């Protein structure tokens, strides 16, 4: 299958390059070039510039976006609203069959805002499913909810793409931070807190609920590419005992089988600690 990845050279795109490249013919679209990957260089805000990249593609994985909840209206509007519309329009015009949209748990982020930090404890009882109302926590979260609705419009009213999969990504981290201690160790690296502090432990507990490993993320995308669903919204984490976002829907509908489990980690990996300590000394 020929698969176009927008925003391919960011953190979320790296897992797809590592784990999907052997099974599919990947094409990359990004605002910047890459020394190791041929790239169609264009901004998703510019429809005419991106449109040629969609010809001959079987699927699109749309990652390009302003990536953070701190985004202003202007930042989110350009990349996440106009950009998502342009990518959907280009996919429809080119007759692309499958569309995988990198949505976010922040489309339902107020459930966490209401209950944190108690939510991060194992005994806290909350499960948010795809059937619960959207509750964005930011311009960013609202833009992801918009993208989901925009995708439904295209498949139901425009008849293209044929299938739209909104994956509400939780927390993907790049190596060596791709483990449940990644955020806590980043804070140590920045000098925000020390290992073993209350702040450190809170970050560990949260990421043990939201962690999505790079290989589980790639497997979930692979499941979408192999599916024939018209439209679906799916939360995406690894197999986490502390998780409050439902992944049973993705298992039942897509056959998602996460390989990683956050609670299997009881301490940060040695290579991560060495990496962080080396950077602190600089």
Protein backbone atom coordinates (compact mmCIF):
# COMPACT_ATOMS: atom_id res chain seq x y z
CA UNK A 1 0.00 0.00 0.00
CA UNK A 2 1.22 3.51 -0.84
CA UNK A 3 0.88 5.68 2.27
CA UNK A 4 1.45 9.44 2.49
CA UNK A 5 2.40 10.77 5.94
CA UNK A 6 1.94 14.48 6.55
CA UNK A 7 4.05 16.09 9.26
CA UNK A 8 6.22 13.02 8.85
CA UNK A 9 9.39 14.26 10.53
CA UNK A 10 7.93 15.03 13.96
CA UNK A 11 7.93 12.84 17.06
CA UNK A 12 4.73 11.00 16.14
CA UNK A 13 5.96 10.22 12.64
CA UNK A 14 9.15 8.53 13.78
CA UNK A 15 7.39 5.40 15.02
CA UNK A 16 5.67 4.95 11.68
CA UNK A 17 8.97 5.20 9.82
CA UNK A 18 10.53 2.61 12.11
CA UNK A 19 7.70 0.09 12.08
CA UNK A 20 5.71 0.53 8.84
CA UNK A 21 8.41 1.09 6.25
CA UNK A 22 8.95 -2.61 5.52
CA UNK A 23 5.25 -3.32 4.93
CA UNK A 24 4.21 -0.23 2.97
CA UNK A 25 5.60 2.27 0.48
CA UNK A 26 5.82 5.42 2.57
CA UNK A 27 5.87 8.95 1.15
CA UNK A 28 6.65 11.97 3.32
CA UNK A 29 5.19 15.48 3.35
CA UNK A 30 6.62 18.01 5.76
CA UNK A 31 7.49 21.71 6.01
CA UNK A 32 11.17 20.80 6.22
CA UNK A 33 13.38 18.41 4.29
CA UNK A 34 15.09 15.43 5.90
CA UNK A 35 18.62 14.17 5.19
CA UNK A 36 17.55 10.51 5.24
CA UNK A 37 14.12 10.61 3.60
CA UNK A 38 12.90 12.06 0.31
CA UNK A 39 10.27 14.61 1.25
CA UNK A 40 7.59 16.61 -0.54
CA UNK A 41 8.36 19.93 1.15
CA UNK A 42 5.24 22.05 1.63
CA UNK A 43 3.04 23.56 4.31
CA UNK A 44 -0.43 22.05 4.73
CA UNK A 45 -1.80 25.60 4.78
CA UNK A 46 -0.97 25.83 1.06
CA UNK A 47 -3.37 23.60 -0.86
CA UNK A 48 -1.76 24.02 -4.26
CA UNK A 49 1.66 23.17 -2.85
CA UNK A 50 0.56 19.95 -1.14
CA UNK A 51 -1.93 18.66 -3.72
CA UNK A 52 0.57 16.80 -6.01
CA UNK A 53 1.78 14.64 -3.10
CA UNK A 54 -1.60 12.89 -2.92
CA UNK A 55 -1.69 11.49 -6.44
CA UNK A 56 -1.36 7.73 -6.54
CA UNK A 57 -1.66 7.29 -2.78
CA UNK A 58 -3.83 4.57 -1.23
CA UNK A 59 -3.90 6.11 2.24
CA UNK A 60 -3.01 9.25 4.15
CA UNK A 61 -1.85 9.44 7.75
CA UNK A 62 -2.38 13.08 8.71
CA UNK A 63 -0.02 14.14 11.51
CA UNK A 64 0.80 17.75 10.53
CA UNK A 65 -0.48 20.17 13.17
CA UNK A 66 0.47 22.65 15.84
CA UNK A 67 1.16 20.00 18.49
CA UNK A 68 0.52 21.54 21.89
CA UNK A 69 -2.26 22.73 24.21
CA UNK A 70 -0.48 26.07 24.60
CA UNK A 71 -1.31 27.04 21.02
CA UNK A 72 -3.00 30.38 20.36
CA UNK A 73 -6.01 30.74 18.11
CA UNK A 74 -3.85 31.97 15.23
CA UNK A 75 -1.40 29.07 15.56
CA UNK A 76 -4.10 26.44 15.75
CA UNK A 77 -6.24 27.96 13.01
CA UNK A 78 -3.47 27.91 10.42
CA UNK A 79 -2.06 24.45 10.98
CA UNK A 80 -4.88 22.46 12.52
CA UNK A 81 -8.05 23.87 10.95
CA UNK A 82 -7.06 25.16 7.52
CA UNK A 83 -4.37 22.50 7.20
CA UNK A 84 -6.69 19.61 8.05
CA UNK A 85 -9.31 20.90 5.61
CA UNK A 86 -6.68 21.14 2.87
CA UNK A 87 -5.41 17.62 3.49
CA UNK A 88 -8.93 16.18 3.44
CA UNK A 89 -9.74 18.09 0.27
CA UNK A 90 -6.55 16.92 -1.42
CA UNK A 91 -7.21 13.32 -0.39
CA UNK A 92 -10.76 13.49 -1.71
CA UNK A 93 -9.68 15.10 -4.97
CA UNK A 94 -6.99 12.46 -5.51
CA UNK A 95 -9.33 9.57 -4.67
CA UNK A 96 -7.35 8.38 -1.64
CA UNK A 97 -9.19 5.50 0.02
CA UNK A 98 -8.12 5.50 3.68
CA UNK A 99 -7.53 8.50 5.94
CA UNK A 100 -5.97 8.13 9.40
CA UNK A 101 -6.24 11.33 11.44
CA UNK A 102 -3.95 11.99 14.40
CA UNK A 103 -6.51 13.26 16.86
CA UNK A 104 -5.74 13.63 20.58
CA UNK A 105 -7.00 12.80 24.04
CA UNK A 106 -7.20 16.59 24.42
CA UNK A 107 -10.41 16.45 22.35
CA UNK A 108 -11.74 14.98 25.60
CA UNK A 109 -9.18 16.54 27.91
CA UNK A 110 -11.56 18.08 30.42
CA UNK A 111 -12.22 14.65 31.89
CA UNK A 112 -8.63 14.68 33.07
CA UNK A 113 -8.80 18.32 34.13
CA UNK A 114 -11.81 17.53 36.33
CA UNK A 115 -10.18 14.64 38.18
CA UNK A 116 -6.39 15.10 38.22
CA UNK A 117 -4.23 14.23 40.09
CA UNK A 118 -6.44 11.69 41.89
CA UNK A 119 -7.15 10.24 38.45
CA UNK A 120 -3.58 8.96 38.24
CA UNK A 121 -4.04 6.49 41.09
CA UNK A 122 -4.71 2.84 40.29
CA UNK A 123 -7.91 2.69 42.33
CA UNK A 124 -9.56 5.71 40.65
CA UNK A 125 -12.67 4.60 38.76
CA UNK A 126 -13.15 6.42 35.45
CA UNK A 127 -13.37 5.17 31.89
CA UNK A 128 -13.89 7.62 29.03
CA UNK A 129 -15.12 6.01 25.80
CA UNK A 130 -15.62 7.12 22.20
CA UNK A 131 -19.34 7.46 22.98
CA UNK A 132 -18.81 10.11 25.66
CA UNK A 133 -19.16 13.78 24.62
CA UNK A 134 -16.18 15.67 23.24
CA UNK A 135 -14.77 17.92 25.98
CA UNK A 136 -11.80 19.86 24.55
CA UNK A 137 -9.42 21.45 27.04
CA UNK A 138 -7.77 24.01 24.71
CA UNK A 139 -7.78 25.50 21.23
CA UNK A 140 -5.62 22.50 20.32
CA UNK A 141 -8.13 20.01 21.72
CA UNK A 142 -11.01 21.79 20.01
CA UNK A 143 -9.13 21.70 16.70
CA UNK A 144 -8.79 17.93 17.01
CA UNK A 145 -12.50 17.55 17.73
CA UNK A 146 -13.12 19.73 14.66
CA UNK A 147 -10.93 17.45 12.56
CA UNK A 148 -12.92 14.41 13.64
CA UNK A 149 -16.21 16.06 12.66
CA UNK A 150 -14.72 17.33 9.40
CA UNK A 151 -13.65 13.79 8.57
CA UNK A 152 -17.15 12.44 9.19
CA UNK A 153 -18.53 15.07 6.84
CA UNK A 154 -16.16 14.04 4.07
CA UNK A 155 -16.85 10.30 4.24
CA UNK A 156 -20.62 10.70 4.66
CA UNK A 157 -21.35 13.67 2.39
CA UNK A 158 -18.47 13.74 -0.08
CA UNK A 159 -17.99 9.98 -0.49
CA UNK A 160 -14.24 10.38 -0.24
CA UNK A 161 -12.11 9.31 1.45
CA UNK A 162 -13.83 5.93 1.82
CA UNK A 163 -12.71 5.45 5.42
CA UNK A 164 -11.76 7.93 8.17
CA UNK A 165 -10.10 6.85 11.42
CA UNK A 166 -9.66 9.39 14.20
CA UNK A 167 -6.99 8.12 16.60
CA UNK A 168 -7.06 10.02 19.88
CA UNK A 169 -3.38 9.74 20.68
CA UNK A 170 -2.41 9.90 24.33
CA UNK A 171 1.33 10.27 25.03
CA UNK A 172 3.90 9.27 22.41
CA UNK A 173 7.53 9.90 23.32
CA UNK A 174 10.65 9.64 21.19
CA UNK A 175 13.58 7.38 22.22
CA UNK A 176 15.12 7.29 24.77
CA UNK A 177 12.01 8.69 26.51
CA UNK A 178 9.68 6.06 25.00
CA UNK A 179 8.72 4.50 28.33
CA UNK A 180 6.53 5.46 31.32
CA UNK A 181 9.40 7.32 33.02
CA UNK A 182 10.07 9.55 30.03
CA UNK A 183 8.26 12.70 31.21
CA UNK A 184 9.57 12.45 34.77
CA UNK A 185 13.13 12.06 33.51
CA UNK A 186 12.74 14.98 31.11
CA UNK A 187 11.84 17.10 34.12
CA UNK A 188 15.02 15.94 35.87
CA UNK A 189 16.97 16.79 32.75
CA UNK A 190 15.50 20.32 32.68
CA UNK A 191 16.11 20.80 36.41
CA UNK A 192 12.39 21.05 37.23
CA UNK A 193 12.51 18.39 39.98
CA UNK A 194 14.65 15.57 41.38
CA UNK A 195 14.17 11.83 41.08
CA UNK A 196 11.92 10.50 43.82
CA UNK A 197 10.24 13.87 44.48
CA UNK A 198 6.46 14.16 44.61
CA UNK A 199 6.51 15.97 41.26
CA UNK A 200 8.56 13.16 39.72
CA UNK A 201 6.22 10.46 41.00
CA UNK A 202 3.13 12.32 39.76
CA UNK A 203 4.61 12.48 36.27
CA UNK A 204 5.35 8.74 36.38
CA UNK A 205 1.80 7.93 37.47
CA UNK A 206 0.28 10.09 34.76
CA UNK A 207 2.41 8.66 31.96
CA UNK A 208 1.67 5.15 33.21
CA UNK A 209 -1.94 6.01 32.35
CA UNK A 210 -1.40 7.72 28.99
CA UNK A 211 1.73 6.13 27.49
CA UNK A 212 1.44 4.92 23.89
CA UNK A 213 4.63 3.20 22.80
CA UNK A 214 5.98 3.89 19.35
CA UNK A 215 5.45 0.29 18.25
CA UNK A 216 1.89 0.15 19.62
CA UNK A 217 1.11 3.39 17.78
CA UNK A 218 2.43 1.94 14.53
CA UNK A 219 0.47 -1.26 15.04
CA UNK A 220 -2.73 0.71 15.57
CA UNK A 221 -2.18 2.65 12.34
CA UNK A 222 -1.50 -0.64 10.56
CA UNK A 223 -4.83 -1.92 11.89
CA UNK A 224 -6.60 1.08 10.35
CA UNK A 225 -4.93 0.60 6.98
CA UNK A 226 -6.14 -3.01 6.90
CA UNK A 227 -9.71 -2.20 7.94
CA UNK A 228 -12.83 -1.37 5.90
CA UNK A 229 -14.67 0.89 8.36
CA UNK A 230 -16.31 4.09 7.07
CA UNK A 231 -15.78 6.19 10.21
CA UNK A 232 -14.50 5.60 13.72
CA UNK A 233 -13.03 7.35 16.76
CA UNK A 234 -10.53 5.39 18.86
CA UNK A 235 -8.56 6.23 21.99
CA UNK A 236 -4.93 5.14 21.80
CA UNK A 237 -2.73 4.05 24.69
CA UNK A 238 -0.67 0.98 25.37
CA UNK A 239 -2.01 -1.69 27.75
CA UNK A 240 -1.98 0.53 30.86
CA UNK A 241 -3.62 -0.46 34.13
CA UNK A 242 -3.89 3.19 35.17
CA UNK A 243 -5.43 4.27 31.86
CA UNK A 244 -8.78 6.03 31.95
CA UNK A 245 -9.34 6.19 28.19
CA UNK A 246 -10.99 3.10 26.75
CA UNK A 247 -8.98 1.03 24.26
CA UNK A 248 -11.37 -1.94 24.19
CA UNK A 249 -13.20 -0.29 21.28
CA UNK A 250 -9.99 -0.27 19.22
CA UNK A 251 -9.34 -3.90 20.15
CA UNK A 252 -12.86 -5.01 19.23
CA UNK A 253 -13.25 -3.04 15.99
CA UNK A 254 -9.70 -2.85 14.63
CA UNK A 255 -8.09 -5.89 16.21
CA UNK A 256 -5.60 -3.70 18.08
CA UNK A 257 -3.25 -5.83 20.20
CA UNK A 258 -0.92 -3.61 22.25
CA UNK A 259 2.42 -5.21 23.02
CA UNK A 260 3.56 -2.79 25.73
CA UNK A 261 2.20 -2.32 29.26
CA UNK A 262 3.13 0.64 31.44
CA UNK A 263 2.97 -1.23 34.75
CA UNK A 264 5.67 -3.61 33.55
CA UNK A 265 8.11 -0.76 34.27
CA UNK A 266 9.06 -0.25 37.92
CA UNK A 267 12.02 2.04 37.33
CA UNK A 268 13.48 4.10 34.49
CA UNK A 269 15.70 2.19 32.06
CA UNK A 270 19.39 2.51 32.77
CA UNK A 271 20.16 4.02 29.36
CA UNK A 272 17.61 6.78 29.97
CA UNK A 273 19.08 7.64 33.37
CA UNK A 274 22.57 7.77 31.86
CA UNK A 275 21.32 9.99 29.03
CA UNK A 276 19.60 12.40 31.42
CA UNK A 277 22.51 12.56 33.85
CA UNK A 278 24.95 13.24 31.02
CA UNK A 279 22.81 16.10 29.76
CA UNK A 280 22.44 17.60 33.24
CA UNK A 281 26.21 17.86 33.52
CA UNK A 282 26.51 20.04 30.43
